[in-house]
Amino acid sequence: MSEESRPILSDAIPAFEMFMMKWEKLAVEHAKLRPIVQPGLDWAYKYYSQMDETKAYVVAMCKQIIS
């Protein structure tokens, strides 16, 4: 099974970041949508900050783990 046919964590994190950037841009460019988009972004920020504190995030982003 090749990498292209199965999702991997290192692809999920950049995709999540791209989702957040697109929604942030959507909220800025279409102010009427901000009340709809903002609650989703608030949850995304919450989970992103939690993800940032895990070793899985560090490994997925190819950063060295220092014990």
PDB file of N, CA and C in Angstrom:
ATOM      1  N   MET A   1       0.843  -1.173   0.000  1.00  0.00           N
ATOM      2  CA  MET A   1       0.000   0.000   0.000  1.00  0.00           C
ATOM      3  C   MET A   1       0.890   1.238   0.000  1.00  0.00           C
ATOM      4  N   SER A   2       0.664   2.111  -0.929  1.00  0.00           N
ATOM      5  CA  SER A   2       1.508   3.296  -1.033  1.00  0.00           C
ATOM      6  C   SER A   2       0.982   4.431  -0.166  1.00  0.00           C
ATOM      7  N   GLU A   3       1.838   5.394   0.071  1.00  0.00           N
ATOM      8  CA  GLU A   3       1.475   6.565   0.882  1.00  0.00           C
ATOM      9  C   GLU A   3       0.295   7.322   0.274  1.00  0.00           C
ATOM     10  N   GLU A   4       0.206   7.345  -1.049  1.00  0.00           N
ATOM     11  CA  GLU A   4      -0.871   8.082  -1.705  1.00  0.00           C
ATOM     12  C   GLU A   4      -2.246   7.483  -1.419  1.00  0.00           C
ATOM     13  N   SER A   5      -2.310   6.186  -1.140  1.00  0.00           N
ATOM     14  CA  SER A   5      -3.611   5.542  -0.957  1.00  0.00           C
ATOM     15  C   SER A   5      -4.033   5.429   0.499  1.00  0.00           C
ATOM     16  N   ARG A   6      -3.197   5.850   1.430  1.00  0.00           N
ATOM     17  CA  ARG A   6      -3.586   5.804   2.840  1.00  0.00           C
ATOM     18  C   ARG A   6      -3.158   7.098   3.528  1.00  0.00           C
ATOM     19  N   PRO A   7      -4.046   7.654   4.327  1.00  0.00           N
ATOM     20  CA  PRO A   7      -3.699   8.904   5.017  1.00  0.00           C
ATOM     21  C   PRO A   7      -2.644   8.673   6.097  1.00  0.00           C
ATOM     22  N   ILE A   8      -1.792   9.646   6.278  1.00  0.00           N
ATOM     23  CA  ILE A   8      -0.796   9.566   7.337  1.00  0.00           C
ATOM     24  C   ILE A   8      -0.823  10.866   8.130  1.00  0.00           C
ATOM     25  N   LEU A   9      -0.367  10.801   9.370  1.00  0.00           N
ATOM     26  CA  LEU A   9      -0.437  11.945  10.264  1.00  0.00           C
ATOM     27  C   LEU A   9       0.303  13.155   9.716  1.00  0.00           C
ATOM     28  N   SER A  10       1.415  12.936   9.068  1.00  0.00           N
ATOM     29  CA  SER A  10       2.181  14.085   8.568  1.00  0.00           C
ATOM     30  C   SER A  10       1.423  14.841   7.482  1.00  0.00           C
ATOM     31  N   ASP A  11       0.451  14.218   6.836  1.00  0.00           N
ATOM     32  CA  ASP A  11      -0.390  14.915   5.862  1.00  0.00           C
ATOM     33  C   ASP A  11      -1.588  15.570   6.530  1.00  0.00           C
ATOM     34  N   ALA A  12      -2.044  15.002   7.627  1.00  0.00           N
ATOM     35  CA  ALA A  12      -3.246  15.506   8.297  1.00  0.00           C
ATOM     36  C   ALA A  12      -3.010  16.873   8.931  1.00  0.00           C
ATOM     37  N   ILE A  13      -1.868  17.065   9.527  1.00  0.00           N
ATOM     38  CA  ILE A  13      -1.604  18.323  10.224  1.00  0.00           C
ATOM     39  C   ILE A  13      -1.518  19.501   9.255  1.00  0.00           C
ATOM     40  N   PRO A  14      -0.761  19.400   8.167  1.00  0.00           N
ATOM     41  CA  PRO A  14      -0.782  20.514   7.205  1.00  0.00           C
ATOM     42  C   PRO A  14      -2.171  20.743   6.603  1.00  0.00           C
ATOM     43  N   ALA A  15      -2.938  19.680   6.412  1.00  0.00           N
ATOM     44  CA  ALA A  15      -4.303  19.845   5.898  1.00  0.00           C
ATOM     45  C   ALA A  15      -5.168  20.598   6.907  1.00  0.00           C
ATOM     46  N   PHE A  16      -5.006  20.293   8.185  1.00  0.00           N
ATOM     47  CA  PHE A  16      -5.753  20.982   9.240  1.00  0.00           C
ATOM     48  C   PHE A  16      -5.367  22.464   9.277  1.00  0.00           C
ATOM     49  N   GLU A  17      -4.072  22.744   9.136  1.00  0.00           N
ATOM     50  CA  GLU A  17      -3.609  24.128   9.107  1.00  0.00           C
ATOM     51  C   GLU A  17      -4.170  24.868   7.898  1.00  0.00           C
ATOM     52  N   MET A  18      -4.244  24.193   6.753  1.00  0.00           N
ATOM     53  CA  MET A  18      -4.784  24.811   5.551  1.00  0.00           C
ATOM     54  C   MET A  18      -6.276  25.115   5.739  1.00  0.00           C
ATOM     55  N   PHE A  19      -6.996  24.185   6.350  1.00  0.00           N
ATOM     56  CA  PHE A  19      -8.412  24.414   6.652  1.00  0.00           C
ATOM     57  C   PHE A  19      -8.577  25.675   7.498  1.00  0.00           C
ATOM     58  N   MET A  20      -7.749  25.823   8.537  1.00  0.00           N
ATOM     59  CA  MET A  20      -7.862  26.994   9.408  1.00  0.00           C
ATOM     60  C   MET A  20      -7.553  28.280   8.644  1.00  0.00           C
ATOM     61  N   MET A  21      -6.522  28.256   7.820  1.00  0.00           N
ATOM     62  CA  MET A  21      -6.170  29.455   7.055  1.00  0.00           C
ATOM     63  C   MET A  21      -7.291  29.848   6.090  1.00  0.00           C
ATOM     64  N   LYS A  22      -7.889  28.860   5.431  1.00  0.00           N
ATOM     65  CA  LYS A  22      -8.979  29.141   4.482  1.00  0.00           C
ATOM     66  C   LYS A  22     -10.186  29.734   5.202  1.00  0.00           C
ATOM     67  N   TRP A  23     -10.525  29.187   6.365  1.00  0.00           N
ATOM     68  CA  TRP A  23     -11.669  29.710   7.117  1.00  0.00           C
ATOM     69  C   TRP A  23     -11.380  31.104   7.660  1.00  0.00           C
ATOM     70  N   GLU A  24     -10.134  31.351   8.096  1.00  0.00           N
ATOM     71  CA  GLU A  24      -9.772  32.689   8.558  1.00  0.00           C
ATOM     72  C   GLU A  24      -9.940  33.699   7.419  1.00  0.00           C
ATOM     73  N   LYS A  25      -9.470  33.327   6.242  1.00  0.00           N
ATOM     74  CA  LYS A  25      -9.595  34.190   5.068  1.00  0.00           C
ATOM     75  C   LYS A  25     -11.064  34.400   4.713  1.00  0.00           C
ATOM     76  N   LEU A  26     -11.857  33.347   4.776  1.00  0.00           N
ATOM     77  CA  LEU A  26     -13.287  33.436   4.497  1.00  0.00           C
ATOM     78  C   LEU A  26     -13.970  34.422   5.438  1.00  0.00           C
ATOM     79  N   ALA A  27     -13.623  34.355   6.719  1.00  0.00           N
ATOM     80  CA  ALA A  27     -14.225  35.247   7.715  1.00  0.00           C
ATOM     81  C   ALA A  27     -13.833  36.705   7.472  1.00  0.00           C
ATOM     82  N   VAL A  28     -12.635  36.943   6.970  1.00  0.00           N
ATOM     83  CA  VAL A  28     -12.183  38.307   6.700  1.00  0.00           C
ATOM     84  C   VAL A  28     -12.808  38.850   5.415  1.00  0.00           C
ATOM     85  N   GLU A  29     -12.801  38.042   4.373  1.00  0.00           N
ATOM     86  CA  GLU A  29     -13.289  38.501   3.074  1.00  0.00           C
ATOM     87  C   GLU A  29     -14.819  38.589   2.999  1.00  0.00           C
ATOM     88  N   HIS A  30     -15.509  37.811   3.813  1.00  0.00           N
ATOM     89  CA  HIS A  30     -16.978  37.792   3.804  1.00  0.00           C
ATOM     90  C   HIS A  30     -17.458  37.979   5.243  1.00  0.00           C
ATOM     91  N   ALA A  31     -17.477  39.213   5.665  1.00  0.00           N
ATOM     92  CA  ALA A  31     -17.783  39.545   7.065  1.00  0.00           C
ATOM     93  C   ALA A  31     -19.121  38.980   7.532  1.00  0.00           C
ATOM     94  N   LYS A  32     -20.079  38.856   6.637  1.00  0.00           N
ATOM     95  CA  LYS A  32     -21.389  38.313   7.027  1.00  0.00           C
ATOM     96  C   LYS A  32     -21.297  36.850   7.453  1.00  0.00           C
ATOM     97  N   LEU A  33     -20.278  36.143   6.985  1.00  0.00           N
ATOM     98  CA  LEU A  33     -20.106  34.737   7.337  1.00  0.00           C
ATOM     99  C   LEU A  33     -19.345  34.541   8.650  1.00  0.00           C
ATOM    100  N   ARG A  34     -18.724  35.600   9.144  1.00  0.00           N
ATOM    101  CA  ARG A  34     -17.898  35.479  10.347  1.00  0.00           C
ATOM    102  C   ARG A  34     -18.645  34.857  11.531  1.00  0.00           C
ATOM    103  N   PRO A  35     -19.902  35.241  11.817  1.00  0.00           N
ATOM    104  CA  PRO A  35     -20.598  34.618  12.957  1.00  0.00           C
ATOM    105  C   PRO A  35     -20.807  33.110  12.788  1.00  0.00           C
ATOM    106  N   ILE A  36     -20.824  32.657  11.545  1.00  0.00           N
ATOM    107  CA  ILE A  36     -20.987  31.229  11.283  1.00  0.00           C
ATOM    108  C   ILE A  36     -19.644  30.506  11.349  1.00  0.00           C
ATOM    109  N   VAL A  37     -18.623  31.136  10.824  1.00  0.00           N
ATOM    110  CA  VAL A  37     -17.292  30.524  10.725  1.00  0.00           C
ATOM    111  C   VAL A  37     -16.546  30.553  12.055  1.00  0.00           C
ATOM    112  N   GLN A  38     -16.709  31.613  12.838  1.00  0.00           N
ATOM    113  CA  GLN A  38     -15.912  31.804  14.047  1.00  0.00           C
ATOM    114  C   GLN A  38     -16.041  30.674  15.073  1.00  0.00           C
ATOM    115  N   PRO A  39     -17.234  30.143  15.350  1.00  0.00           N
ATOM    116  CA  PRO A  39     -17.294  29.031  16.315  1.00  0.00           C
ATOM    117  C   PRO A  39     -16.471  27.814  15.865  1.00  0.00           C
ATOM    118  N   GLY A  40     -16.485  27.529  14.577  1.00  0.00           N
ATOM    119  CA  GLY A  40     -15.663  26.431  14.058  1.00  0.00           C
ATOM    120  C   GLY A  40     -14.185  26.719  14.214  1.00  0.00           C
ATOM    121  N   LEU A  41     -13.799  27.963  13.954  1.00  0.00           N
ATOM    122  CA  LEU A  41     -12.399  28.349  14.136  1.00  0.00           C
ATOM    123  C   LEU A  41     -11.984  28.285  15.602  1.00  0.00           C
ATOM    124  N   ASP A  42     -12.875  28.687  16.496  1.00  0.00           N
ATOM    125  CA  ASP A  42     -12.555  28.626  17.927  1.00  0.00           C
ATOM    126  C   ASP A  42     -12.242  27.189  18.346  1.00  0.00           C
ATOM    127  N   TRP A  43     -13.056  26.243  17.884  1.00  0.00           N
ATOM    128  CA  TRP A  43     -12.793  24.833  18.195  1.00  0.00           C
ATOM    129  C   TRP A  43     -11.498  24.358  17.532  1.00  0.00           C
ATOM    130  N   ALA A  44     -11.271  24.794  16.298  1.00  0.00           N
ATOM    131  CA  ALA A  44     -10.048  24.406  15.596  1.00  0.00           C
ATOM    132  C   ALA A  44      -8.815  24.913  16.332  1.00  0.00           C
ATOM    133  N   TYR A  45      -8.863  26.169  16.811  1.00  0.00           N
ATOM    134  CA  TYR A  45      -7.731  26.721  17.565  1.00  0.00           C
ATOM    135  C   TYR A  45      -7.500  25.915  18.845  1.00  0.00           C
ATOM    136  N   LYS A  46      -8.583  25.548  19.507  1.00  0.00           N
ATOM    137  CA  LYS A  46      -8.469  24.775  20.753  1.00  0.00           C
ATOM    138  C   LYS A  46      -7.778  23.438  20.491  1.00  0.00           C
ATOM    139  N   TYR A  47      -8.237  22.708  19.479  1.00  0.00           N
ATOM    140  CA  TYR A  47      -7.644  21.407  19.190  1.00  0.00           C
ATOM    141  C   TYR A  47      -6.242  21.540  18.632  1.00  0.00           C
ATOM    142  N   TYR A  48      -5.994  22.577  17.856  1.00  0.00           N
ATOM    143  CA  TYR A  48      -4.660  22.789  17.317  1.00  0.00           C
ATOM    144  C   TYR A  48      -3.652  23.044  18.435  1.00  0.00           C
ATOM    145  N   SER A  49      -4.043  23.847  19.411  1.00  0.00           N
ATOM    146  CA  SER A  49      -3.119  24.124  20.520  1.00  0.00           C
ATOM    147  C   SER A  49      -2.868  22.860  21.343  1.00  0.00           C
ATOM    148  N   GLN A  50      -3.869  22.006  21.494  1.00  0.00           N
ATOM    149  CA  GLN A  50      -3.667  20.732  22.192  1.00  0.00           C
ATOM    150  C   GLN A  50      -2.771  19.813  21.377  1.00  0.00           C
ATOM    151  N   MET A  51      -2.964  19.804  20.077  1.00  0.00           N
ATOM    152  CA  MET A  51      -2.161  18.963  19.195  1.00  0.00           C
ATOM    153  C   MET A  51      -0.697  19.401  19.233  1.00  0.00           C
ATOM    154  N   ASP A  52      -0.491  20.689  19.336  1.00  0.00           N
ATOM    155  CA  ASP A  52       0.857  21.250  19.357  1.00  0.00           C
ATOM    156  C   ASP A  52       1.658  20.763  20.563  1.00  0.00           C
ATOM    157  N   GLU A  53       0.977  20.346  21.620  1.00  0.00           N
ATOM    158  CA  GLU A  53       1.646  19.903  22.839  1.00  0.00           C
ATOM    159  C   GLU A  53       1.925  18.402  22.877  1.00  0.00           C
ATOM    160  N   THR A  54       1.568  17.670  21.828  1.00  0.00           N
ATOM    161  CA  THR A  54       1.750  16.213  21.842  1.00  0.00           C
ATOM    162  C   THR A  54       3.028  15.807  21.119  1.00  0.00           C
ATOM    163  N   LYS A  55       3.554  14.658  21.516  1.00  0.00           N
ATOM    164  CA  LYS A  55       4.740  14.125  20.838  1.00  0.00           C
ATOM    165  C   LYS A  55       4.414  13.710  19.416  1.00  0.00           C
ATOM    166  N   ALA A  56       3.173  13.268  19.172  1.00  0.00           N
ATOM    167  CA  ALA A  56       2.778  12.876  17.821  1.00  0.00           C
ATOM    168  C   ALA A  56       2.918  14.051  16.860  1.00  0.00           C
ATOM    169  N   TYR A  57       2.575  15.240  17.322  1.00  0.00           N
ATOM    170  CA  TYR A  57       2.709  16.434  16.484  1.00  0.00           C
ATOM    171  C   TYR A  57       4.181  16.665  16.159  1.00  0.00           C
ATOM    172  N   VAL A  58       5.011  16.555  17.158  1.00  0.00           N
ATOM    173  CA  VAL A  58       6.445  16.782  16.970  1.00  0.00           C
ATOM    174  C   VAL A  58       7.008  15.787  15.969  1.00  0.00           C
ATOM    175  N   VAL A  59       6.646  14.527  16.117  1.00  0.00           N
ATOM    176  CA  VAL A  59       7.135  13.483  15.201  1.00  0.00           C
ATOM    177  C   VAL A  59       6.605  13.729  13.796  1.00  0.00           C
ATOM    178  N   ALA A  60       5.317  14.039  13.695  1.00  0.00           N
ATOM    179  CA  ALA A  60       4.717  14.253  12.373  1.00  0.00           C
ATOM    180  C   ALA A  60       5.345  15.419  11.639  1.00  0.00           C
ATOM    181  N   MET A  61       5.753  16.403  12.357  1.00  0.00           N
ATOM    182  CA  MET A  61       6.367  17.574  11.731  1.00  0.00           C
ATOM    183  C   MET A  61       7.883  17.428  11.612  1.00  0.00           C
ATOM    184  N   CYS A  62       8.373  16.231  11.853  1.00  0.00           N
ATOM    185  CA  CYS A  62       9.790  15.883  11.692  1.00  0.00           C
ATOM    186  C   CYS A  62      10.701  16.727  12.583  1.00  0.00           C
ATOM    187  N   LYS A  63      10.241  16.993  13.783  1.00  0.00           N
ATOM    188  CA  LYS A  63      11.060  17.733  14.737  1.00  0.00           C
ATOM    189  C   LYS A  63      11.710  16.739  15.691  1.00  0.00           C
ATOM    190  N   GLN A  64      12.848  17.087  16.202  1.00  0.00           N
ATOM    191  CA  GLN A  64      13.566  16.223  17.120  1.00  0.00           C
ATOM    192  C   GLN A  64      12.909  16.279  18.489  1.00  0.00           C
ATOM    193  N   ILE A  65      12.689  15.100  19.065  1.00  0.00           N
ATOM    194  CA  ILE A  65      12.141  15.032  20.412  1.00  0.00           C
ATOM    195  C   ILE A  65      13.302  15.063  21.406  1.00  0.00           C
ATOM    196  N   ILE A  66      13.238  16.000  22.310  1.00  0.00           N
ATOM    197  CA  ILE A  66      14.271  16.120  23.335  1.00  0.00           C
ATOM    198  C   ILE A  66      13.673  15.642  24.653  1.00  0.00           C
ATOM    199  N   SER A  67      14.252  14.602  25.200  1.00  0.00           N
ATOM    200  CA  SER A  67      13.720  14.045  26.458  1.00  0.00           C
ATOM    201  C   SER A  67      14.341  14.711  27.645  1.00  0.00           C
TER     202      SER A  67
END
